[in-house]
Amino acid sequence: MNDLTYFAQIDTNNICLQVHVVTQEFIDENPERYTGIWVETFYNNPNKTYAGEGYIYDAQTQDFTAPPYDPPPIN
């Protein structure tokens, strides 16, 4: 059995929608379950950012960045 890997589903704007722990083979064999674009995200790599919901994917670096933080207004 292949090692499990972290994959992030991204939308057409490269925004992470969800993360699953599966094999690439499982994704390939289940296209009805894994629709859209799935890219690998790295949990234990100090040179990569682990994807979370809302994170932005950069195809050139094959890495994610955190979404911009918009603090709530102070009343």
N, C-alpha and C. Protein backbone atom coordinates (compact mmCIF):
# COMPACT_ATOMS: atom_id res chain seq x y z
N MET A 1 0.85 -1.18 0.00
CA MET A 1 0.00 0.00 0.00
C MET A 1 0.89 1.24 0.00
N ASN A 2 0.50 2.22 -0.79
CA ASN A 2 1.25 3.47 -0.83
C ASN A 2 1.03 4.28 0.43
N ASP A 3 1.98 5.16 0.70
CA ASP A 3 1.85 6.03 1.86
C ASP A 3 0.72 7.02 1.66
N LEU A 4 0.05 7.33 2.75
CA LEU A 4 -0.99 8.34 2.70
C LEU A 4 -0.35 9.72 2.58
N THR A 5 -1.01 10.58 1.86
CA THR A 5 -0.49 11.92 1.59
C THR A 5 -1.62 12.91 1.82
N TYR A 6 -1.25 14.15 2.11
CA TYR A 6 -2.23 15.22 2.29
C TYR A 6 -2.49 15.89 0.94
N PHE A 7 -3.76 15.97 0.57
CA PHE A 7 -4.16 16.63 -0.66
C PHE A 7 -5.20 17.69 -0.35
N ALA A 8 -5.05 18.83 -0.99
CA ALA A 8 -5.99 19.94 -0.82
C ALA A 8 -6.80 20.12 -2.10
N GLN A 9 -8.09 20.27 -1.96
CA GLN A 9 -8.93 20.61 -3.10
C GLN A 9 -8.94 22.12 -3.22
N ILE A 10 -8.64 22.62 -4.42
CA ILE A 10 -8.66 24.06 -4.63
C ILE A 10 -9.70 24.41 -5.68
N ASP A 11 -10.22 25.63 -5.57
CA ASP A 11 -11.19 26.10 -6.56
C ASP A 11 -10.46 26.79 -7.71
N THR A 12 -11.21 27.39 -8.63
CA THR A 12 -10.61 28.02 -9.80
C THR A 12 -9.81 29.27 -9.47
N ASN A 13 -9.96 29.77 -8.23
CA ASN A 13 -9.17 30.92 -7.77
C ASN A 13 -8.00 30.49 -6.90
N ASN A 14 -7.72 29.18 -6.88
CA ASN A 14 -6.62 28.59 -6.10
C ASN A 14 -6.82 28.70 -4.59
N ILE A 15 -8.06 28.77 -4.16
CA ILE A 15 -8.39 28.82 -2.74
C ILE A 15 -8.68 27.39 -2.26
N CYS A 16 -8.07 27.01 -1.15
CA CYS A 16 -8.26 25.67 -0.59
C CYS A 16 -9.68 25.54 -0.03
N LEU A 17 -10.36 24.49 -0.45
CA LEU A 17 -11.71 24.22 0.02
C LEU A 17 -11.73 23.20 1.15
N GLN A 18 -10.82 22.20 1.04
CA GLN A 18 -10.76 21.13 2.03
C GLN A 18 -9.46 20.36 1.86
N VAL A 19 -9.09 19.60 2.88
CA VAL A 19 -7.89 18.77 2.85
C VAL A 19 -8.27 17.34 3.23
N HIS A 20 -7.76 16.38 2.46
CA HIS A 20 -7.98 14.95 2.74
C HIS A 20 -6.64 14.24 2.85
N VAL A 21 -6.62 13.17 3.60
CA VAL A 21 -5.44 12.31 3.71
C VAL A 21 -5.74 11.03 2.95
N VAL A 22 -5.14 10.90 1.77
CA VAL A 22 -5.39 9.76 0.88
C VAL A 22 -4.12 9.50 0.06
N THR A 23 -4.21 8.52 -0.82
CA THR A 23 -3.13 8.30 -1.78
C THR A 23 -3.54 8.91 -3.12
N GLN A 24 -2.56 9.23 -3.94
CA GLN A 24 -2.85 9.73 -5.28
C GLN A 24 -3.65 8.69 -6.06
N GLU A 25 -3.32 7.42 -5.87
CA GLU A 25 -4.05 6.34 -6.54
C GLU A 25 -5.53 6.36 -6.19
N PHE A 26 -5.84 6.58 -4.91
CA PHE A 26 -7.23 6.60 -4.47
C PHE A 26 -7.99 7.75 -5.12
N ILE A 27 -7.35 8.91 -5.20
CA ILE A 27 -7.98 10.04 -5.87
C ILE A 27 -8.24 9.70 -7.34
N ASP A 28 -7.23 9.14 -8.00
CA ASP A 28 -7.36 8.79 -9.42
C ASP A 28 -8.44 7.74 -9.66
N GLU A 29 -8.59 6.80 -8.73
CA GLU A 29 -9.55 5.71 -8.89
C GLU A 29 -10.97 6.10 -8.48
N ASN A 30 -11.15 7.28 -7.90
CA ASN A 30 -12.46 7.71 -7.42
C ASN A 30 -12.80 9.12 -7.90
N PRO A 31 -12.85 9.31 -9.23
CA PRO A 31 -13.10 10.66 -9.75
C PRO A 31 -14.47 11.21 -9.39
N GLU A 32 -15.43 10.34 -9.12
CA GLU A 32 -16.76 10.82 -8.73
C GLU A 32 -16.74 11.40 -7.32
N ARG A 33 -15.81 10.94 -6.51
CA ARG A 33 -15.69 11.43 -5.13
C ARG A 33 -14.72 12.61 -5.04
N TYR A 34 -13.69 12.58 -5.87
CA TYR A 34 -12.66 13.62 -5.85
C TYR A 34 -12.73 14.45 -7.13
N THR A 35 -13.75 15.25 -7.21
CA THR A 35 -13.94 16.10 -8.38
C THR A 35 -13.12 17.37 -8.22
N GLY A 36 -12.86 18.04 -9.30
CA GLY A 36 -12.14 19.31 -9.24
C GLY A 36 -10.64 19.11 -9.22
N ILE A 37 -9.96 20.10 -8.67
CA ILE A 37 -8.50 20.12 -8.67
C ILE A 37 -7.99 19.76 -7.29
N TRP A 38 -7.10 18.76 -7.23
CA TRP A 38 -6.48 18.32 -5.99
C TRP A 38 -4.97 18.45 -6.11
N VAL A 39 -4.34 19.11 -5.15
CA VAL A 39 -2.89 19.28 -5.15
C VAL A 39 -2.34 18.82 -3.80
N GLU A 40 -1.11 18.37 -3.83
CA GLU A 40 -0.48 17.89 -2.60
C GLU A 40 -0.14 19.07 -1.69
N THR A 41 -0.36 18.87 -0.40
CA THR A 41 0.08 19.83 0.61
C THR A 41 0.94 19.07 1.60
N PHE A 42 1.87 19.75 2.21
CA PHE A 42 2.89 19.07 3.00
C PHE A 42 2.76 19.43 4.47
N TYR A 43 2.62 18.40 5.30
CA TYR A 43 2.42 18.58 6.72
C TYR A 43 3.74 18.70 7.49
N ASN A 44 4.72 17.90 7.12
CA ASN A 44 5.97 17.85 7.87
C ASN A 44 7.16 18.35 7.05
N ASN A 45 6.98 19.36 6.24
CA ASN A 45 8.06 19.91 5.44
C ASN A 45 8.26 21.37 5.87
N PRO A 46 9.42 21.68 6.45
CA PRO A 46 9.63 23.05 6.94
C PRO A 46 9.69 24.10 5.84
N ASN A 47 9.84 23.67 4.58
CA ASN A 47 9.90 24.61 3.46
C ASN A 47 8.56 24.81 2.77
N LYS A 48 7.53 24.17 3.27
CA LYS A 48 6.19 24.28 2.68
C LYS A 48 5.18 24.62 3.76
N THR A 49 4.08 25.22 3.34
CA THR A 49 2.99 25.58 4.25
C THR A 49 1.85 24.58 4.08
N TYR A 50 1.43 23.99 5.18
CA TYR A 50 0.31 23.06 5.16
C TYR A 50 -0.97 23.84 4.87
N ALA A 51 -1.75 23.35 3.92
CA ALA A 51 -2.97 24.04 3.52
C ALA A 51 -4.06 23.92 4.58
N GLY A 52 -4.83 24.95 4.68
CA GLY A 52 -6.03 24.95 5.50
C GLY A 52 -7.13 25.60 4.68
N GLU A 53 -8.34 25.45 5.12
CA GLU A 53 -9.47 26.05 4.41
C GLU A 53 -9.23 27.54 4.25
N GLY A 54 -9.32 28.03 3.01
CA GLY A 54 -9.13 29.44 2.73
C GLY A 54 -7.71 29.81 2.33
N TYR A 55 -6.77 28.89 2.51
CA TYR A 55 -5.39 29.16 2.10
C TYR A 55 -5.30 29.26 0.59
N ILE A 56 -4.31 29.99 0.09
CA ILE A 56 -4.19 30.28 -1.34
C ILE A 56 -3.01 29.50 -1.91
N TYR A 57 -3.25 28.78 -3.01
CA TYR A 57 -2.23 27.95 -3.64
C TYR A 57 -1.50 28.72 -4.73
N ASP A 58 -0.17 28.61 -4.73
CA ASP A 58 0.67 29.20 -5.77
C ASP A 58 1.26 28.05 -6.58
N ALA A 59 0.85 27.92 -7.83
CA ALA A 59 1.30 26.81 -8.66
C ALA A 59 2.79 26.87 -8.96
N GLN A 60 3.37 28.06 -9.02
CA GLN A 60 4.80 28.17 -9.30
C GLN A 60 5.64 27.59 -8.18
N THR A 61 5.31 27.91 -6.96
CA THR A 61 6.08 27.42 -5.82
C THR A 61 5.53 26.10 -5.27
N GLN A 62 4.34 25.72 -5.74
CA GLN A 62 3.63 24.55 -5.24
C GLN A 62 3.50 24.62 -3.72
N ASP A 63 3.09 25.79 -3.26
CA ASP A 63 2.97 26.04 -1.84
C ASP A 63 1.70 26.86 -1.57
N PHE A 64 1.32 26.89 -0.32
CA PHE A 64 0.14 27.64 0.12
C PHE A 64 0.56 28.82 0.99
N THR A 65 -0.24 29.86 0.95
CA THR A 65 -0.07 30.98 1.87
C THR A 65 -1.38 31.19 2.61
N ALA A 66 -1.25 31.69 3.82
CA ALA A 66 -2.44 31.94 4.63
C ALA A 66 -3.25 33.06 3.99
N PRO A 67 -4.57 33.01 4.15
CA PRO A 67 -5.38 34.10 3.61
C PRO A 67 -5.08 35.39 4.36
N PRO A 68 -5.30 36.53 3.71
CA PRO A 68 -5.07 37.79 4.41
C PRO A 68 -6.00 37.91 5.62
N TYR A 69 -5.46 38.46 6.68
CA TYR A 69 -6.25 38.63 7.89
C TYR A 69 -6.90 39.99 7.87
N ASP A 70 -8.21 39.98 8.00
CA ASP A 70 -8.97 41.23 8.03
C ASP A 70 -9.57 41.36 9.42
N PRO A 71 -8.90 42.11 10.30
CA PRO A 71 -9.38 42.18 11.68
C PRO A 71 -10.74 42.85 11.77
N PRO A 72 -11.55 42.41 12.72
CA PRO A 72 -12.85 43.03 12.88
C PRO A 72 -12.69 44.49 13.36
N PRO A 73 -13.62 45.32 13.00
CA PRO A 73 -13.53 46.72 13.44
C PRO A 73 -13.68 46.82 14.96
N ILE A 74 -12.99 47.76 15.52
CA ILE A 74 -13.07 48.00 16.96
C ILE A 74 -14.08 49.11 17.18
N ASN A 75 -15.06 48.83 17.99
CA ASN A 75 -16.13 49.82 18.28
C ASN A 75 -15.86 50.55 19.55
